[in-house]
Each structure stands twice: as structure tokens, then as C-alpha cells.
C-alpha atoms as a PDB file:
ATOM      1  CA  MET A   1      83.558 104.595  96.479  1.00  0.00           C
ATOM      2  CA  SER A   2      82.408 106.585  99.576  1.00  0.00           C
ATOM      3  CA  SER A   3      82.013 110.343  99.171  1.00  0.00           C
ATOM      4  CA  ASN A   4      84.213 110.869 102.308  1.00  0.00           C
ATOM      5  CA  ILE A   5      87.106 109.255 100.768  1.00  0.00           C
ATOM      6  CA  ILE A   6      89.725 111.898  99.680  1.00  0.00           C
ATOM      7  CA  PRO A   7      93.236 112.174  98.344  1.00  0.00           C
ATOM      8  CA  LEU A   8      95.727 112.512 101.374  1.00  0.00           C
ATOM      9  CA  SER A   9      96.872 115.816  99.673  1.00  0.00           C
ATOM     10  CA  SER A  10      93.223 117.177 100.765  1.00  0.00           C
ATOM     11  CA  LEU A  11      93.583 116.148 104.338  1.00  0.00           C
ATOM     12  CA  PRO A  12      93.572 119.390 106.453  1.00  0.00           C
ATOM     13  CA  ILE A  13      96.380 119.963 108.917  1.00  0.00           C
ATOM     14  CA  GLY A  14      95.615 118.489 112.289  1.00  0.00           C
ATOM     15  CA  LYS A  15      93.076 115.980 111.104  1.00  0.00           C
ATOM     16  CA  LYS A  16      93.521 112.200 110.854  1.00  0.00           C
ATOM     17  CA  ALA A  17      92.454 109.655 108.282  1.00  0.00           C
ATOM     18  CA  ARG A  18      92.709 106.030 107.267  1.00  0.00           C
ATOM     19  CA  VAL A  19      94.346 104.691 104.316  1.00  0.00           C
ATOM     20  CA  LYS A  20      91.871 103.173 101.981  1.00  0.00           C
ATOM     21  CA  SER A  21      93.864 102.555  98.739  1.00  0.00           C
ATOM     22  CA  ILE A  22      96.973 103.574  96.869  1.00  0.00           C
ATOM     23  CA  ILE A  23      96.346 104.352  93.319  1.00  0.00           C
ATOM     24  CA  THR A  24      99.871 104.636  92.179  1.00  0.00           C
ATOM     25  CA  ASN A  25     102.022 101.913  90.546  1.00  0.00           C
ATOM     26  CA  GLY A  26     105.525 100.731  90.180  1.00  0.00           C
ATOM     27  CA  THR A  27     108.432 101.893  92.426  1.00  0.00           C
ATOM     28  CA  GLN A  28     106.319 104.877  93.931  1.00  0.00           C
ATOM     29  CA  ARG A  29     103.737 102.169  95.201  1.00  0.00           C
ATOM     30  CA  ARG A  30     106.420  99.908  96.537  1.00  0.00           C
ATOM     31  CA  ARG A  31     108.091 102.747  98.416  1.00  0.00           C
ATOM     32  CA  LEU A  32     104.597 103.786  99.974  1.00  0.00           C
ATOM     33  CA  LEU A  33     104.016 100.327 101.056  1.00  0.00           C
ATOM     34  CA  ASP A  34     107.513 100.081 102.434  1.00  0.00           C
ATOM     35  CA  LEU A  35     106.687 103.019 104.511  1.00  0.00           C
ATOM     36  CA  GLY A  36     103.800 101.261 106.164  1.00  0.00           C
ATOM     37  CA  LEU A  37     100.915 102.940 104.013  1.00  0.00           C
ATOM     38  CA  ILE A  38      98.696  99.847 103.925  1.00  0.00           C
ATOM     39  CA  THR A  39      94.960  99.685 104.159  1.00  0.00           C
ATOM     40  CA  ASP A  40      93.535 101.087 107.512  1.00  0.00           C
ATOM     41  CA  THR A  41      96.925 102.828 108.609  1.00  0.00           C
ATOM     42  CA  VAL A  42      96.195 105.887 110.472  1.00  0.00           C
ATOM     43  CA  VAL A  43      97.779 109.035 108.855  1.00  0.00           C
ATOM     44  CA  GLU A  44      97.702 112.537 110.706  1.00  0.00           C
ATOM     45  CA  ALA A  45      98.595 115.700 108.616  1.00  0.00           C
ATOM     46  CA  LEU A  46     100.952 117.762 110.740  1.00  0.00           C
ATOM     47  CA  GLN A  47     102.183 120.795 108.920  1.00  0.00           C
ATOM     48  CA  LYS A  48     103.022 122.239 105.608  1.00  0.00           C
ATOM     49  CA  SER A  49     106.251 123.641 104.745  1.00  0.00           C
ATOM     50  CA  PRO A  50     106.600 127.316 104.525  1.00  0.00           C
ATOM     51  CA  ALA A  51     105.952 127.096 100.672  1.00  0.00           C
ATOM     52  CA  GLY A  52     102.921 124.838 101.060  1.00  0.00           C
ATOM     53  CA  ASP A  53     104.675 121.751  99.610  1.00  0.00           C
ATOM     54  CA  PRO A  54     105.599 119.207 100.890  1.00  0.00           C
ATOM     55  CA  VAL A  55     103.302 118.372 103.773  1.00  0.00           C
ATOM     56  CA  ALA A  56     104.592 116.401 106.927  1.00  0.00           C
ATOM     57  CA  TYR A  57     102.375 113.423 108.124  1.00  0.00           C
ATOM     58  CA  GLN A  58     102.625 111.125 111.129  1.00  0.00           C
ATOM     59  CA  ILE A  59     102.599 107.572 109.975  1.00  0.00           C
ATOM     60  CA  ARG A  60     103.191 104.682 112.348  1.00  0.00           C
ATOM     61  CA  GLY A  61     105.278 106.746 114.702  1.00  0.00           C
ATOM     62  CA  ALA A  62     107.433 108.370 112.081  1.00  0.00           C
ATOM     63  CA  VAL A  63     106.990 111.860 110.553  1.00  0.00           C
ATOM     64  CA  ILE A  64     107.293 111.606 106.594  1.00  0.00           C
ATOM     65  CA  ALA A  65     106.872 114.533 104.186  1.00  0.00           C
ATOM     66  CA  PHE A  66     105.220 113.915 100.896  1.00  0.00           C
ATOM     67  CA  ARG A  67     104.735 116.288  97.850  1.00  0.00           C
ATOM     68  CA  THR A  68     101.196 117.080  96.918  1.00  0.00           C
ATOM     69  CA  GLU A  69     101.837 114.941  93.749  1.00  0.00           C
ATOM     70  CA  ASP A  70     102.687 111.884  95.778  1.00  0.00           C
ATOM     71  CA  ALA A  71      99.920 112.435  98.369  1.00  0.00           C
ATOM     72  CA  SER A  72      97.298 112.637  95.574  1.00  0.00           C
ATOM     73  CA  GLY A  73      97.908 109.028  94.912  1.00  0.00           C
ATOM     74  CA  ILE A  74      96.839 107.948  98.392  1.00  0.00           C
ATOM     75  CA  LEU A  75      93.199 107.788  99.093  1.00  0.00           C
ATOM     76  CA  VAL A  76      92.071 108.097 102.736  1.00  0.00           C
ATOM     77  CA  GLU A  77      88.810 108.318 104.628  1.00  0.00           C
ATOM     78  CA  ALA A  78      88.686 111.013 107.396  1.00  0.00           C
ATOM     79  CA  ILE A  79      88.317 109.918 110.925  1.00  0.00           C
END
């Protein structure tokens, strides 16, 4: 695995990345796939909530918030 592949939860605000893999299973994995998080989808970290969790991401034209715990199961490569 490349060294520049990181969990989505580590992507800095204002940066973009491409989805490389989803390492969750079951209904959580299905939910992420249904949201359009498939290989090579571009994701941009938009902003953190005032408490720092969740974080809002732009995915395929929609803004979706993920908790750190959920975003940690999505591996991305910064672009």
C-alpha cells in the first residue's frame, strides 16, 4: 500500500482525495457504497463541526457529514 494513502478522517480541511478502498463491512459498507463512495471517487473535506466531529465532505455534488469513527474506514489518496 502506498505511503500517501490515509484514512479519510486524516484529510485536512480544504484538501481533496480519491477513494482507494473501504475497509468496513456489513451495513456500514453498503451505506458508504450507496452514497457513491467507490474507488476513484473524489472527496473534499469542507469543514469540521464546532466540536470537531463530525466533518462535512463534498462527495459527488452532495455534502455529507461523517463521524471520525466512520471516516477512518475509508482509505483515500490525497490529490
